[in-house]
Amino acid sequence: MKPTLIAIHHFEVDGRAFSHGAEIEPGLIDEKKLDRLLDQGRVRECPERRSLYRIFSVFSGCKETEPLDADELRAYALPK
């Protein structure tokens, strides 16, 4: 799974604005633009940070998914 992308500073890509520290939706920025933003230091890859877009893919519409582990399910989910 690809690392979570975080915006560094405020910027805009294809009419969509990102504030400093905001997570960038997976697949939103094409590879060429992403490489340029990474080189410029405007985006950082954070493999240790899980993507809220992937965790809540049903609500965000993200095609990639990331499940909650058993401890998280017990702590945060409603029982069946």
Protein backbone atom coordinates (compact mmCIF):
# COMPACT_ATOMS: atom_id res chain seq x y z
CA MET A 1 0.00 0.00 0.00
CA LYS A 2 1.25 3.47 -0.85
CA PRO A 3 2.14 5.83 2.01
CA THR A 4 -0.27 8.54 3.12
CA LEU A 5 0.42 11.90 1.46
CA ILE A 6 0.44 15.06 3.58
CA ALA A 7 0.44 18.65 2.29
CA ILE A 8 3.31 20.83 3.46
CA HIS A 9 2.34 24.51 3.29
CA HIS A 10 -0.78 25.76 1.54
CA PHE A 11 -1.08 25.12 -2.20
CA GLU A 12 -3.53 24.32 -4.97
CA VAL A 13 -3.54 21.51 -7.55
CA ASP A 14 -6.07 21.35 -10.38
CA GLY A 15 -8.40 23.79 -8.62
CA ARG A 16 -8.33 21.94 -5.29
CA ALA A 17 -6.78 23.73 -2.31
CA PHE A 18 -4.82 21.96 0.41
CA SER A 19 -3.90 23.43 3.77
CA HIS A 20 -0.74 22.62 5.70
CA GLY A 21 -0.97 19.18 7.30
CA ALA A 22 -4.01 18.05 5.31
CA GLU A 23 -4.13 14.52 3.97
CA ILE A 24 -4.25 14.28 0.19
CA GLU A 25 -6.73 11.76 -1.15
CA PRO A 26 -5.04 8.67 -2.67
CA GLY A 27 -5.00 8.78 -6.47
CA LEU A 28 -6.01 12.45 -6.66
CA ILE A 29 -2.70 13.72 -8.05
CA ASP A 30 -1.14 12.01 -11.07
CA GLU A 31 2.36 10.54 -10.69
CA LYS A 32 4.17 13.25 -12.66
CA LYS A 33 2.68 16.09 -10.60
CA LEU A 34 3.18 14.13 -7.39
CA ASP A 35 6.88 13.58 -8.15
CA ARG A 36 7.29 17.31 -8.76
CA LEU A 37 5.48 18.20 -5.50
CA LEU A 38 7.62 15.70 -3.56
CA ASP A 39 10.80 17.17 -5.09
CA GLN A 40 9.65 20.70 -4.19
CA GLY A 41 8.93 19.62 -0.61
CA ARG A 42 5.27 20.59 -0.87
CA VAL A 43 4.06 17.04 -0.20
CA ARG A 44 5.51 14.48 2.19
CA GLU A 45 4.97 10.72 2.22
CA CYS A 46 4.12 9.44 5.71
CA PRO A 47 4.15 5.62 5.75
CA GLU A 48 3.56 5.60 9.54
CA ARG A 49 0.32 7.61 9.22
CA ARG A 50 -2.78 5.70 8.17
CA SER A 51 -5.08 7.23 5.58
CA LEU A 52 -8.52 8.32 6.77
CA TYR A 53 -9.66 8.15 3.13
CA ARG A 54 -8.73 4.44 3.05
CA ILE A 55 -10.15 3.65 6.51
CA PHE A 56 -13.48 5.32 5.70
CA SER A 57 -13.54 4.38 2.01
CA VAL A 58 -17.31 3.75 2.10
CA PHE A 59 -17.83 7.43 2.93
CA SER A 60 -14.91 9.01 1.06
CA GLY A 61 -15.34 7.09 -2.19
CA CYS A 62 -11.68 6.03 -2.17
CA LYS A 63 -11.02 2.87 -4.18
CA GLU A 64 -8.26 1.72 -1.81
CA THR A 65 -9.28 0.35 1.59
CA GLU A 66 -7.56 -0.12 4.92
CA PRO A 67 -9.34 -2.12 7.65
CA LEU A 68 -9.34 -1.36 11.36
CA ASP A 69 -7.47 -3.89 13.48
CA ALA A 70 -9.21 -5.88 16.25
CA ASP A 71 -8.26 -3.43 19.03
CA GLU A 72 -9.56 -0.48 17.02
CA LEU A 73 -12.80 -2.29 16.25
CA ARG A 74 -13.36 -2.96 19.97
CA ALA A 75 -12.51 0.62 20.93
CA TYR A 76 -14.23 2.61 18.18
CA ALA A 77 -16.88 0.51 16.42
CA LEU A 78 -20.40 -0.28 17.49
CA PRO A 79 -20.98 -3.94 18.42
CA LYS A 80 -22.83 -6.11 15.92
